[in-house]
Protein backbone atom coordinates (compact mmCIF):
# COMPACT_ATOMS: atom_id res chain seq x y z
CA MET A 1 2.37 4.61 -13.88
CA GLN A 2 0.58 7.85 -14.75
CA ASN A 3 2.07 8.02 -18.24
CA LEU A 4 0.78 4.55 -19.05
CA ARG A 5 -2.72 5.41 -17.84
CA TRP A 6 -2.67 8.51 -20.02
CA VAL A 7 -1.74 6.40 -23.03
CA LEU A 8 -4.55 3.94 -22.32
CA ASN A 9 -7.11 6.72 -21.99
CA LEU A 10 -5.93 8.08 -25.32
CA LEU A 11 -6.38 4.66 -26.86
CA PHE A 12 -9.99 4.42 -25.77
CA ILE A 13 -10.69 7.91 -27.11
CA SER A 14 -9.08 6.89 -30.40
CA SER A 15 -11.29 3.79 -30.47
CA LEU A 16 -14.41 5.91 -30.06
CA LEU A 17 -13.34 8.30 -32.82
CA HIS A 18 -12.64 5.30 -35.05
CA LYS A 19 -16.16 3.99 -34.56
CA LEU A 20 -17.67 7.35 -35.37
CA THR A 21 -15.59 8.13 -38.45
CA HIS A 22 -15.50 4.70 -40.08
CA SER A 23 -18.99 3.39 -39.43
CA SER A 24 -19.98 3.88 -43.08
CA ALA A 25 -16.95 2.21 -44.66
CA GLN A 26 -15.78 -0.63 -42.47
CA VAL A 27 -13.45 -3.41 -43.56
CA ILE A 28 -14.16 -6.89 -42.20
CA CYS A 29 -11.35 -8.08 -39.98
CA SER A 30 -8.68 -10.46 -41.13
CA THR A 31 -9.61 -14.14 -40.85
CA GLN A 32 -6.24 -14.86 -39.23
CA ASP A 33 -6.66 -12.11 -36.65
CA ARG A 34 -10.20 -13.17 -35.80
CA ALA A 35 -8.99 -16.74 -35.26
CA ALA A 36 -6.19 -15.49 -32.99
CA LEU A 37 -8.63 -13.51 -30.85
CA LEU A 38 -11.07 -16.42 -30.57
CA ALA A 39 -8.21 -18.71 -29.55
CA PHE A 40 -7.40 -16.25 -26.75
CA LYS A 41 -11.08 -16.18 -25.77
CA SER A 42 -11.15 -19.99 -25.58
CA SER A 43 -8.09 -19.97 -23.28
CA ILE A 44 -10.07 -17.91 -20.74
CA VAL A 45 -12.16 -20.39 -18.76
CA GLU A 46 -14.02 -17.77 -16.74
CA ASP A 47 -14.73 -14.09 -17.46
CA THR A 48 -16.80 -12.22 -14.90
CA THR A 49 -16.04 -8.89 -16.61
CA GLY A 50 -18.34 -9.80 -19.49
CA VAL A 51 -15.92 -8.26 -21.99
CA LEU A 52 -15.32 -11.40 -24.03
CA SER A 53 -19.05 -12.03 -24.38
CA SER A 54 -19.04 -9.19 -26.92
CA TRP A 55 -16.65 -11.13 -29.14
CA VAL A 56 -19.29 -12.66 -31.44
CA GLY A 57 -19.91 -12.50 -35.16
CA LYS A 58 -17.51 -12.62 -38.08
CA ASP A 59 -16.31 -9.03 -37.97
CA CYS A 60 -13.97 -8.23 -35.08
CA CYS A 61 -13.43 -4.73 -36.54
CA ASN A 62 -17.00 -3.46 -36.46
CA GLY A 63 -16.51 -1.79 -33.08
CA ASP A 64 -18.65 -4.31 -31.19
CA TRP A 65 -15.74 -6.43 -29.99
CA GLU A 66 -14.87 -4.67 -26.77
CA GLY A 67 -11.19 -3.75 -26.46
CA VAL A 68 -10.38 -4.47 -30.11
CA LEU A 69 -9.29 -1.76 -32.56
CA CYS A 70 -8.44 -2.32 -36.22
CA ASN A 71 -6.80 -0.50 -39.10
CA PRO A 72 -9.83 0.47 -41.24
CA ALA A 73 -7.84 0.16 -44.44
CA THR A 74 -6.54 -3.39 -43.88
CA GLY A 75 -8.88 -5.03 -41.37
CA LYS A 76 -5.87 -5.98 -39.26
CA VAL A 77 -6.07 -5.73 -35.46
CA THR A 78 -3.80 -2.95 -34.17
CA ASN A 79 -4.91 -2.58 -30.56
CA LEU A 80 -6.06 -5.11 -27.97
CA VAL A 81 -6.86 -3.38 -24.68
CA LEU A 82 -8.45 -5.39 -21.84
CA GLN A 83 -8.15 -3.23 -18.76
CA ASN A 84 -9.96 -4.12 -15.55
CA SER A 85 -10.19 -2.20 -12.29
CA LEU A 86 -8.57 -3.86 -9.26
CA ASN A 87 -11.09 -2.17 -6.97
CA ASP A 88 -13.88 -4.67 -7.74
CA PRO A 89 -12.85 -8.18 -6.61
CA THR A 90 -15.83 -9.72 -8.41
CA LEU A 91 -14.47 -8.77 -11.84
CA TYR A 92 -11.70 -10.93 -13.24
CA MET A 93 -10.59 -13.29 -16.00
CA LYS A 94 -9.29 -16.77 -15.30
CA GLY A 95 -7.20 -18.70 -17.76
CA THR A 96 -3.93 -18.33 -19.68
CA LEU A 97 -2.43 -16.20 -22.45
CA SER A 98 -2.93 -18.03 -25.72
CA PRO A 99 0.17 -18.28 -27.95
CA SER A 100 -2.19 -17.38 -30.81
CA LEU A 101 -1.90 -13.72 -29.83
CA GLY A 102 1.55 -13.89 -31.42
CA ASN A 103 -0.21 -14.18 -34.79
CA LEU A 104 -1.54 -10.61 -34.60
CA GLY A 105 1.21 -9.35 -36.88
CA SER A 106 -0.03 -5.75 -37.07
CA LEU A 107 -0.62 -5.37 -33.34
CA GLN A 108 0.79 -2.10 -32.00
CA VAL A 109 -0.75 -1.98 -28.53
CA LEU A 110 -1.32 -5.01 -26.27
CA VAL A 111 -2.76 -4.23 -22.84
CA ILE A 112 -4.13 -6.99 -20.57
CA THR A 113 -4.17 -5.59 -17.04
CA GLY A 114 -6.01 -6.18 -13.79
CA THR A 115 -7.48 -9.55 -14.74
CA LYS A 116 -6.17 -11.00 -11.45
CA PHE A 117 -6.28 -14.71 -12.43
CA ILE A 118 -4.67 -15.07 -15.84
CA THR A 119 -1.84 -17.47 -15.02
CA GLY A 120 0.93 -19.29 -16.82
CA SER A 121 3.83 -17.72 -18.67
CA ILE A 122 4.23 -15.20 -21.46
CA PRO A 123 4.16 -17.23 -24.71
CA ASN A 124 7.37 -17.21 -26.71
CA SER A 125 5.26 -16.31 -29.72
CA PHE A 126 5.00 -12.73 -28.40
CA SER A 127 8.45 -12.18 -29.91
CA ASN A 128 6.66 -12.16 -33.29
CA LEU A 129 4.78 -8.95 -32.40
CA THR A 130 7.40 -6.76 -34.04
CA SER A 131 4.99 -3.86 -34.58
CA LEU A 132 4.30 -3.45 -30.85
CA THR A 133 4.89 -0.03 -29.31
CA GLN A 134 3.04 -0.67 -26.02
CA LEU A 135 3.00 -3.93 -24.01
CA ALA A 136 1.30 -3.93 -20.60
CA LEU A 137 0.50 -7.14 -18.72
CA GLU A 138 0.06 -5.58 -15.26
CA ASP A 139 -1.69 -7.06 -12.24
CA ASN A 140 -2.38 -10.58 -13.41
CA SER A 141 -1.04 -13.87 -12.01
CA LEU A 142 1.57 -14.62 -14.65
CA HIS A 143 4.63 -16.50 -13.43
CA GLY A 144 7.85 -18.16 -14.46
CA SER A 145 10.66 -16.38 -16.26
CA VAL A 146 10.22 -13.62 -18.82
CA PRO A 147 11.06 -14.90 -22.33
CA SER A 148 14.17 -13.34 -23.80
CA GLY A 149 12.25 -12.86 -27.05
CA LEU A 150 10.59 -9.77 -25.64
CA GLY A 151 13.93 -8.08 -26.20
CA HIS A 152 13.44 -8.41 -29.96
CA LEU A 153 10.55 -5.97 -30.34
CA PRO A 154 12.33 -3.07 -32.05
CA LEU A 155 9.53 -0.49 -31.83
CA LEU A 156 8.56 -1.08 -28.21
CA GLU A 157 8.31 2.21 -26.27
CA SER A 158 6.48 1.10 -23.13
CA LEU A 159 6.83 -2.21 -21.26
CA SER A 160 5.03 -3.03 -18.01
CA LEU A 161 4.95 -6.47 -16.40
CA ALA A 162 4.24 -5.12 -12.91
CA GLY A 163 2.12 -6.92 -10.35
CA ASN A 164 2.65 -10.54 -11.39
CA ARG A 165 4.66 -13.47 -10.01
CA PHE A 166 7.64 -13.50 -12.35
CA SER A 167 10.89 -14.82 -10.94
CA GLY A 168 14.46 -15.45 -12.01
CA VAL A 169 16.84 -12.87 -13.41
CA VAL A 170 15.69 -9.97 -15.55
CA PRO A 171 16.47 -10.98 -19.16
CA ALA A 172 19.55 -9.20 -20.49
CA SER A 173 17.83 -9.04 -23.88
CA LEU A 174 15.51 -6.30 -22.59
CA GLY A 175 18.53 -4.03 -22.96
CA ASN A 176 17.99 -4.27 -26.74
CA LEU A 177 14.79 -2.20 -26.49
CA ARG A 178 16.49 1.05 -27.41
CA SER A 179 13.20 2.85 -28.11
CA LEU A 180 11.91 2.21 -24.59
CA THR A 181 10.76 5.26 -22.62
CA THR A 182 8.84 3.41 -19.88
CA MET A 183 9.79 0.18 -18.12
CA SER A 184 8.02 -1.25 -15.07
CA LEU A 185 8.87 -4.68 -13.68
CA ALA A 186 7.63 -3.78 -10.19
CA ARG A 187 5.91 -6.11 -7.72
CA ASN A 188 7.36 -9.41 -8.87
CA SER A 189 10.12 -11.70 -7.57
CA PHE A 190 12.97 -10.90 -9.95
CA SER A 191 16.40 -11.57 -8.45
CA GLY A 192 20.02 -10.93 -9.30
CA PRO A 193 21.55 -7.63 -10.42
CA VAL A 194 20.11 -5.03 -12.77
CA PRO A 195 21.35 -6.23 -16.20
CA VAL A 196 24.40 -4.40 -17.55
CA THR A 197 22.65 -4.29 -20.94
CA PHE A 198 20.20 -1.74 -19.54
CA LYS A 199 22.90 0.86 -20.24
CA ASN A 200 21.51 0.92 -23.80
CA LEU A 201 18.12 2.25 -22.69
CA LEU A 202 19.12 5.88 -23.12
CA LYS A 203 15.57 7.07 -23.90
CA LEU A 204 14.12 5.91 -20.58
CA GLN A 205 11.90 8.40 -18.80
CA ILE A 206 10.33 6.02 -16.25
CA LEU A 207 12.16 3.09 -14.62
CA ASP A 208 10.31 1.12 -11.93
CA LEU A 209 11.95 -2.04 -10.57
CA SER A 210 10.51 -1.75 -7.06
CA PHE A 211 9.25 -4.61 -4.87
CA ASN A 212 11.49 -7.37 -6.19
CA LEU A 213 14.53 -9.27 -4.88
CA LEU A 214 17.16 -7.46 -6.94
CA SER A 215 20.65 -7.32 -5.41
CA GLY A 216 24.01 -5.70 -6.04
CA PRO A 217 24.72 -1.98 -6.47
CA ILE A 218 22.65 0.66 -8.22
CA PRO A 219 24.28 0.71 -11.68
CA ASP A 220 26.40 3.74 -12.44
CA PHE A 221 25.00 3.88 -15.98
CA ILE A 222 21.60 5.07 -14.69
CA GLY A 223 23.24 8.50 -14.60
CA GLN A 224 23.31 8.38 -18.41
CA PHE A 225 19.50 8.37 -18.67
CA LYS A 226 19.29 12.14 -19.18
CA ASP A 227 15.51 12.09 -19.80
CA LEU A 228 14.69 10.08 -16.67
CA THR A 229 11.89 11.62 -14.60
CA THR A 230 10.95 8.65 -12.37
CA LEU A 231 13.32 6.19 -10.66
CA HIS A 232 11.72 3.60 -8.37
CA LEU A 233 14.06 0.94 -6.96
CA SER A 234 12.44 0.54 -3.54
CA SER A 235 11.93 -2.72 -1.63
CA ASN A 236 14.80 -4.71 -3.09
CA ARG A 237 18.17 -5.88 -1.72
CA LEU A 238 20.34 -3.27 -3.38
CA SER A 239 23.54 -2.30 -1.57
CA GLY A 240 26.38 0.17 -1.73
CA ALA A 241 26.23 3.94 -2.18
CA ILE A 242 24.15 6.02 -4.56
CA PRO A 243 26.36 6.44 -7.65
CA VAL A 244 27.59 10.01 -8.06
CA SER A 245 26.35 9.91 -11.68
CA VAL A 246 22.72 9.73 -10.44
CA TYR A 247 23.07 13.26 -9.05
CA ASN A 248 23.39 14.54 -12.63
CA LEU A 249 19.83 13.58 -13.62
CA GLY A 250 18.54 17.10 -14.02
CA LYS A 251 15.05 16.02 -15.15
CA LEU A 252 14.50 13.54 -12.32
CA GLN A 253 11.30 14.36 -10.41
CA ASP A 254 10.60 11.27 -8.32
CA MET A 255 13.29 9.06 -6.73
CA SER A 256 12.28 6.20 -4.41
CA LEU A 257 15.07 4.01 -3.06
CA GLU A 258 13.52 3.03 0.28
CA ARG A 259 13.79 -0.40 1.92
CA ASN A 260 17.15 -1.51 0.58
CA ASP A 261 20.62 -1.95 2.11
CA LEU A 262 22.11 1.26 0.71
CA THR A 263 24.96 2.81 2.67
CA GLY A 264 27.36 5.72 2.75
CA PRO A 265 26.74 9.45 3.14
CA LEU A 266 24.63 11.59 0.83
CA SER A 267 26.69 13.69 -1.54
CA ASP A 268 26.53 17.49 -1.55
CA GLN A 269 25.81 17.06 -5.26
CA ILE A 270 22.24 16.12 -4.40
CA SER A 271 21.41 19.78 -5.07
CA ASN A 272 22.02 19.07 -8.77
CA LEU A 273 18.69 17.25 -8.93
CA LYS A 274 16.98 20.51 -9.80
CA SER A 275 13.62 18.99 -10.80
CA LEU A 276 13.27 16.64 -7.83
CA SER A 277 9.85 16.84 -6.16
CA THR A 278 9.77 13.63 -4.09
CA LEU A 279 12.72 11.85 -2.46
CA ASP A 280 12.35 8.70 -0.37
CA LEU A 281 15.52 7.11 1.04
CA SER A 282 13.89 5.58 4.13
CA SER A 283 14.81 2.22 5.68
CA ASN A 284 18.39 2.03 4.47
CA LYS A 285 21.77 2.41 6.20
CA PHE A 286 22.82 5.90 5.17
CA ILE A 287 25.22 7.64 7.55
CA GLY A 288 26.67 11.07 8.25
CA HIS A 289 25.00 14.46 8.23
CA ILE A 290 22.12 15.43 5.98
CA PRO A 291 23.92 17.71 3.48
CA ALA A 292 23.00 21.39 3.66
CA SER A 293 22.82 21.52 -0.13
CA ILE A 294 19.63 19.48 -0.05
CA THR A 295 17.77 22.57 1.15
CA ARG A 296 18.41 24.20 -2.25
CA LEU A 297 16.02 21.82 -4.01
CA GLN A 298 13.43 24.36 -5.06
CA ASN A 299 10.75 21.88 -6.18
CA LEU A 300 11.05 19.30 -3.40
CA TRP A 301 7.72 18.86 -1.62
CA SER A 302 8.17 15.41 -0.02
CA LEU A 303 11.33 14.30 1.83
CA ASN A 304 11.56 10.96 3.67
CA LEU A 305 14.91 10.11 5.27
CA SER A 306 13.51 7.99 8.10
CA ARG A 307 15.03 4.78 9.51
CA ASN A 308 18.65 5.43 8.60
CA HIS A 309 21.74 6.41 10.61
CA PHE A 310 21.82 10.14 9.89
CA SER A 311 23.28 12.14 12.78
CA ASP A 312 23.23 15.68 14.20
CA PRO A 313 23.28 18.45 13.38
CA LEU A 314 20.48 19.14 10.93
CA PRO A 315 21.29 21.64 8.18
CA ILE A 316 20.40 25.29 8.72
CA VAL A 317 17.44 25.74 6.44
CA GLY A 318 16.69 29.46 6.43
CA ARG A 319 14.76 30.08 3.22
CA GLY A 320 15.57 26.63 1.88
CA PHE A 321 13.00 24.00 1.01
CA PRO A 322 10.59 26.61 -0.40
CA SER A 323 8.13 23.95 -1.66
CA LEU A 324 8.35 21.41 1.17
CA LEU A 325 5.04 20.01 2.39
CA SER A 326 6.03 16.65 3.92
CA ILE A 327 9.04 15.80 6.11
CA ASP A 328 9.96 12.49 7.76
CA LEU A 329 13.18 12.26 9.80
CA SER A 330 11.99 9.51 12.15
CA TYR A 331 14.32 6.94 13.69
CA ASN A 332 17.78 8.22 12.88
CA ASN A 333 20.60 9.10 15.27
CA LEU A 334 19.10 12.54 15.85
CA ASN A 335 18.89 14.15 19.28
CA LEU A 336 16.69 17.13 18.42
CA GLY A 337 15.45 18.07 21.89
CA ALA A 338 12.85 20.38 20.35
CA VAL A 339 11.11 20.49 17.00
CA PRO A 340 13.35 22.66 14.77
CA SER A 341 11.97 26.16 14.20
CA TRP A 342 11.90 25.73 10.42
CA ILE A 343 9.64 22.70 10.79
CA ARG A 344 7.36 24.57 13.20
CA ASP A 345 7.15 27.61 10.91
CA LYS A 346 6.69 26.05 7.47
CA PRO A 347 3.21 25.31 6.07
CA LEU A 348 3.79 21.56 6.28
CA THR A 349 0.96 19.04 5.81
CA GLU A 350 2.90 16.02 7.14
CA ILE A 351 5.36 16.09 10.05
CA ASN A 352 7.00 12.83 11.15
CA LEU A 353 9.65 13.04 13.87
CA ALA A 354 9.20 9.74 15.69
CA GLY A 355 12.17 8.60 17.76
CA CYS A 356 14.04 11.91 17.42
CA LYS A 357 14.50 12.42 21.20
CA LEU A 358 12.06 15.32 21.48
CA ARG A 359 11.62 16.54 25.05
CA GLY A 360 9.38 18.83 27.05
CA ALA A 361 5.90 20.13 26.31
CA PHE A 362 4.04 19.40 23.10
CA PRO A 363 5.37 21.85 20.46
CA LYS A 364 3.38 24.83 19.26
CA LEU A 365 3.19 24.95 15.47
CA THR A 366 2.99 28.29 13.67
CA ARG A 367 0.66 26.85 10.98
CA PRO A 368 -1.37 24.18 12.83
CA ARG A 369 -4.30 24.40 10.40
CA ASP A 370 -2.13 23.07 7.56
CA VAL A 371 -1.18 19.82 9.29
CA ILE A 372 -2.90 16.69 7.93
CA SER A 373 -0.66 14.01 9.46
CA LEU A 374 1.44 14.31 12.64
CA ASP A 375 3.69 11.60 14.09
CA LEU A 376 5.75 12.52 17.16
CA SER A 377 5.67 9.04 18.70
CA ASP A 378 8.48 7.37 20.65
CA ASN A 379 9.83 10.58 22.20
CA PHE A 380 9.83 12.17 25.66
CA LEU A 381 7.03 14.71 25.27
CA THR A 382 5.06 15.62 28.37
CA GLY A 383 1.94 17.49 29.42
CA ASP A 384 -1.44 18.08 27.81
CA VAL A 385 -2.00 18.13 24.03
CA SER A 386 -5.76 18.70 23.94
CA ALA A 387 -5.71 22.51 23.56
CA LEU A 388 -3.14 22.47 20.76
CA LEU A 389 -4.93 19.73 18.81
CA ALA A 390 -8.10 21.80 18.75
CA ASN A 391 -6.40 24.21 16.32
CA MET A 392 -5.40 21.47 13.88
CA THR A 393 -8.61 21.68 11.91
CA SER A 394 -7.27 19.72 8.90
CA LEU A 395 -5.78 16.86 10.94
CA GLN A 396 -6.53 13.33 9.69
CA LYS A 397 -3.86 11.13 11.29
CA LEU A 398 -2.38 11.63 14.76
CA LYS A 399 0.28 9.41 16.33
CA LEU A 400 1.70 10.40 19.72
CA SER A 401 2.29 6.95 21.21
CA LYS A 402 5.21 6.15 23.54
CA ASN A 403 5.56 9.55 25.18
CA GLN A 404 4.78 10.85 28.67
CA LEU A 405 1.64 12.81 27.85
CA ARG A 406 -0.73 13.27 30.77
CA PHE A 407 -4.31 14.51 30.31
CA ASP A 408 -7.95 13.49 30.71
CA LEU A 409 -9.77 12.18 27.63
CA SER A 410 -12.69 14.47 28.46
CA LYS A 411 -10.50 17.42 27.45
CA LEU A 412 -9.69 15.92 24.05
CA LYS A 413 -11.73 17.34 21.19
CA LEU A 414 -10.55 15.82 17.97
CA PRO A 415 -10.95 17.74 14.72
CA GLU A 416 -13.88 16.54 12.62
CA GLY A 417 -11.78 14.89 9.89
CA VAL A 418 -9.50 12.73 12.07
CA SER A 419 -9.48 9.12 10.85
CA SER A 420 -6.75 7.65 13.10
CA VAL A 421 -5.60 8.58 16.59
CA ASP A 422 -2.83 6.75 18.46
CA LEU A 423 -2.13 7.74 22.07
CA SER A 424 -0.85 4.34 23.21
CA SER A 425 1.74 4.08 25.98
CA ASN A 426 1.19 7.43 27.66
CA LEU A 427 -0.40 8.52 30.95
CA VAL A 428 -3.88 9.30 29.62
CA THR A 429 -6.77 9.07 32.08
CA GLY A 430 -10.53 9.45 31.89
CA SER A 431 -13.31 7.46 30.28
CA LEU A 432 -13.86 6.21 26.73
CA SER A 433 -17.35 7.69 26.71
CA SER A 434 -15.91 11.18 26.19
CA LEU A 435 -14.29 9.96 22.96
CA LEU A 436 -16.88 7.46 21.74
CA ASN A 437 -20.41 8.82 21.82
CA ASN A 438 -23.18 9.99 19.50
CA LYS A 439 -21.06 13.02 18.54
CA THR A 440 -18.07 10.98 17.38
CA SER A 441 -17.10 11.80 13.80
CA ARG A 442 -18.05 9.26 11.13
CA PHE A 443 -14.51 9.70 9.74
CA LEU A 444 -12.88 8.15 12.82
CA GLU A 445 -11.69 4.64 11.86
CA GLU A 446 -8.81 3.79 14.22
CA ILE A 447 -8.41 4.32 17.97
CA HIS A 448 -5.23 3.16 19.70
CA LEU A 449 -5.23 3.76 23.47
CA THR A 450 -3.33 0.69 24.67
CA ASN A 451 -1.24 0.96 27.86
CA ASN A 452 -2.67 4.04 29.55
CA GLN A 453 -4.67 4.68 32.73
CA ILE A 454 -8.14 4.87 31.19
CA SER A 455 -10.96 3.75 33.47
CA GLY A 456 -14.75 3.57 33.43
CA ARG A 457 -16.84 1.32 31.22
CA ILE A 458 -16.90 0.49 27.53
CA PRO A 459 -19.59 2.83 26.19
CA ASP A 460 -22.52 1.83 24.01
CA PHE A 461 -21.71 2.05 20.32
CA THR A 462 -24.04 3.90 17.98
CA GLU A 463 -24.80 2.86 14.40
CA SER A 464 -23.10 5.99 13.07
CA LEU A 465 -19.62 4.77 14.09
CA ASN A 466 -17.32 3.52 11.33
CA LEU A 467 -14.54 2.15 13.53
CA LYS A 468 -12.22 -0.42 11.97
CA VAL A 469 -9.65 -0.66 14.80
CA LEU A 470 -10.30 -0.39 18.53
CA ASN A 471 -7.20 -1.07 20.66
CA ILE A 472 -7.87 -0.30 24.34
CA GLY A 473 -5.84 -3.06 26.01
CA SER A 474 -3.74 -2.62 29.17
CA ASN A 475 -5.92 -0.04 30.93
CA LYS A 476 -8.26 -0.02 33.95
CA ILE A 477 -11.55 -0.40 32.08
CA SER A 478 -14.30 -2.30 33.91
CA GLY A 479 -17.89 -3.39 33.28
CA GLN A 480 -19.20 -5.58 30.50
CA ILE A 481 -18.84 -5.73 26.73
CA PRO A 482 -22.04 -4.03 25.49
CA SER A 483 -24.25 -5.89 23.01
CA SER A 484 -24.24 -2.71 20.94
CA ILE A 485 -20.76 -3.73 19.79
CA SER A 486 -22.65 -5.35 16.90
CA ASN A 487 -23.05 -1.82 15.50
CA LEU A 488 -19.34 -1.74 14.68
CA VAL A 489 -19.91 -3.60 11.41
CA GLU A 490 -16.64 -2.36 9.89
CA LEU A 491 -14.46 -3.48 12.81
CA VAL A 492 -11.34 -5.41 11.76
CA ARG A 493 -9.35 -5.42 15.01
CA LEU A 494 -10.59 -5.47 18.62
CA ASP A 495 -8.18 -5.60 21.57
CA ILE A 496 -9.61 -5.13 25.08
CA SER A 497 -7.04 -7.36 26.81
CA ARG A 498 -5.49 -6.67 30.24
CA ASN A 499 -8.42 -4.77 31.72
CA HIS A 500 -11.09 -5.57 34.34
CA ILE A 501 -13.90 -6.59 31.98
CA THR A 502 -16.56 -8.83 33.55
CA GLY A 503 -19.72 -10.61 32.45
CA GLU A 504 -20.24 -12.88 29.46
CA ILE A 505 -19.01 -12.48 25.91
CA PRO A 506 -22.11 -11.18 24.07
CA GLN A 507 -23.62 -13.22 21.24
CA ALA A 508 -23.67 -9.95 19.27
CA LEU A 509 -19.89 -10.15 18.87
CA GLY A 510 -20.51 -12.80 16.22
CA GLN A 511 -22.09 -10.18 13.92
CA LEU A 512 -18.70 -8.53 13.32
CA SER A 513 -18.08 -10.40 10.08
CA GLN A 514 -15.00 -8.33 9.10
CA LEU A 515 -13.08 -9.05 12.32
CA ASN A 516 -9.68 -10.68 11.83
CA TRP A 517 -8.03 -9.91 15.22
CA LEU A 518 -9.77 -10.49 18.55
CA ASP A 519 -8.02 -10.29 21.93
CA LEU A 520 -10.12 -10.57 25.11
CA SER A 521 -7.33 -12.05 27.26
CA ILE A 522 -6.50 -11.32 30.90
CA ASN A 523 -9.88 -10.04 32.07
CA ALA A 524 -12.61 -11.57 34.27
CA LEU A 525 -15.02 -12.79 31.59
CA THR A 526 -17.34 -15.66 32.55
CA GLY A 527 -19.66 -18.11 30.83
CA ARG A 528 -19.09 -19.78 27.45
CA ILE A 529 -17.44 -18.61 24.28
CA PRO A 530 -20.58 -18.13 22.14
CA ASP A 531 -21.01 -20.28 19.02
CA SER A 532 -22.09 -17.12 17.18
CA LEU A 533 -18.38 -16.34 16.77
CA LEU A 534 -18.28 -19.09 14.14
CA ASN A 535 -19.95 -16.56 11.84
CA ILE A 536 -16.70 -14.57 11.77
CA LYS A 537 -15.03 -16.23 8.80
CA ALA A 538 -12.21 -13.67 8.44
CA VAL A 539 -10.70 -14.10 11.92
CA LYS A 540 -6.96 -14.94 11.92
CA HIS A 541 -6.02 -14.38 15.59
CA VAL A 542 -7.95 -14.81 18.83
CA SER A 543 -7.01 -14.93 22.49
CA PHE A 544 -9.38 -15.77 25.36
CA ARG A 545 -6.49 -16.58 27.70
CA ALA A 546 -6.65 -15.93 31.46
CA ASN A 547 -10.37 -15.33 32.04
CA ARG A 548 -13.02 -17.36 33.90
CA LEU A 549 -14.58 -18.97 30.87
CA CYS A 550 -16.08 -22.45 30.89
CA GLY A 551 -17.69 -24.92 28.49
CA LEU A 552 -17.19 -26.19 24.98
CA ILE A 553 -15.01 -24.12 22.65
CA PRO A 554 -16.93 -23.42 19.39
CA GLN A 555 -16.22 -26.55 17.32
CA GLY A 556 -15.67 -25.13 13.88
CA ARG A 557 -12.83 -23.57 11.96
CA PRO A 558 -10.80 -21.66 12.83
CA PHE A 559 -11.68 -21.72 16.55
CA ASN A 560 -11.03 -25.44 16.95
CA ILE A 561 -7.58 -25.21 15.31
CA PHE A 562 -6.17 -22.12 17.00
CA PRO A 563 -3.13 -22.77 19.26
CA THR A 564 -4.01 -24.02 22.73
CA ALA A 565 -2.35 -20.90 24.17
CA ALA A 566 -5.38 -18.92 22.97
CA TYR A 567 -7.57 -20.69 25.58
CA LEU A 568 -5.28 -21.47 28.54
CA HIS A 569 -5.78 -20.33 32.16
CA ASN A 570 -9.58 -20.34 32.21
CA LEU A 571 -11.92 -22.21 34.57
CA CYS A 572 -13.07 -25.17 32.48
CA LEU A 573 -12.86 -24.66 28.73
CA CYS A 574 -12.84 -27.92 26.78
CA GLY A 575 -12.99 -29.33 23.27
CA LYS A 576 -10.52 -28.92 20.45
CA PRO A 577 -7.82 -27.68 20.60
CA LEU A 578 -8.03 -28.47 24.36
CA PRO A 579 -8.88 -31.92 25.75
CA PRO A 580 -12.46 -33.14 25.18
CA CYS A 581 -15.24 -32.22 27.58
CA ARG A 582 -15.79 -34.82 30.32
CA ASN A 583 -19.57 -34.99 30.18
CA THR A 584 -22.39 -34.40 27.72
CA ARG A 585 -23.65 -31.32 29.52
CA LYS A 586 -21.60 -28.56 27.95
């Protein structure tokens, strides 16, 4: 919600100017307003942000009450802005919204966002805030239904209730907010259809209803919102075709309809969306050909049509798509054979053609240095990719899994900035030491090499590595797990299953406090499962199955409550969740 953030920044600037220009002639705040604010403060049982600790003294308008702005002529509160960053989990407010806030009769802006733990419902008294122009209650833990009284705020221009736990139908009364330019109800659990009354919201510029449980068709009346620039309806249960009227939204810049049950072909009229810059229709049930007229969208830079039922042939592009930077056609009914020349020749930063039946050698791109993300997985590509990857100097994410690529890891020299590489389910050989050594980039976070023919030992890990995911299962790797694995302090997922790993599980593994997935199954590990693993509090999945382990399973959560399947087919493991050990010597 970029527009909303801009408004909030403007509000804080206005607050600073107010403090500077009115410091010599301040009016003490209204007794009623001060009481309303203190009632809200008392309804917050915990405030780690420290904001409410500034609410002391008799004058809430002197500039010392953080987040509070008053009209200097009347002493009435006009703005209440409590905005917290979601990036710091230690900062939050816990409590409820006091109905007393409804007594702030001159309030124009009410913003309480990112508090995380303010629960309960929106008080019905908020319908008394008839001077409100901005209402944002984003990213809290509010729940229940939205009171219909919010539809009786005649001056409201911006409404955001995103990122809460609201449920039930969207109140039809919100269609009375004829001054509304921004509405976001995203990331809740609203159900039912989009209310018919929304046809009255003719001034809307931003409409975001994504990540809910809304059903029924996309309303035809959305095509009447001539000023609409942003339409987000993704991750719902919407069905039917895109209404033809939507193609007349000449100011529309961003349309996201992904993850619904939308059907039908795309209309040739899609070229009427002259201002469109991003279009995401992925994970629906669209059929037919991709219309050639789509290539006439001069401003389109991101196009995602993946996971639909679009079929051959692709449109002839020629000089079309002049601004395109990102293309995703993955998992349709396309039988491309080769990467289309227009995709190879354009200065694209993201190319995603997974499951498009590509065949033959890895394609040569005309502008390899522009590519940041490349996904050609689940195709029939063959041969060696190492030489071509060396020219992709800007590459950050590489996914080539489920192909028939055959090369030695020692030939692979990843660009410095690569953060994720996925070569799973190919015919890759060689040793991990050529990929993981003291020269490995600190940017590399994910390695996926499952189901190849990699051999050799697991190399020692240096402190400079920042790996978060290491998936090397189903290979021919031998030797022991090195104690230096404790250097992978950021590791979240470790899978070394289905190899030839021997020796004991090192105590050092218990130092990986971020680990939530651990799979050591189907190897030849011996000895006990070390109790040091009890230090890993985040772990959600483990498997020690089919090794030669013996002794008492660590008797603490979650290891003693994992399914028994996680420990089966070993020599003599015992203790919960398996039967108790037979003697005291464990």
